[in-house]
């Protein structure tokens, strides 16, 4: 199984600096948000979609993630 095909990811797998947590039961990923005191929660329709996103972005090319872009550009890029 490819790296981005896992359904269960641990915090140790994640490379993204904006990642906070993930919840298998809710099929969600929580990340630092675009403003002070704001978190962003992405909810997925399936565990496979959540796992694919985590493999592709959270544990992979996080700089290409839409949530990373939004947070970085609105909070840190000056």
Foldseek 3Di string as FASTA:
>chain_A
DDQLQDLDDDPVLFDDPFWDDADSVQQWTWGCAQDPPDIDIDGDPHSRVSSNCCRPAGNHVVVPDPRNVNNCVRPPDD
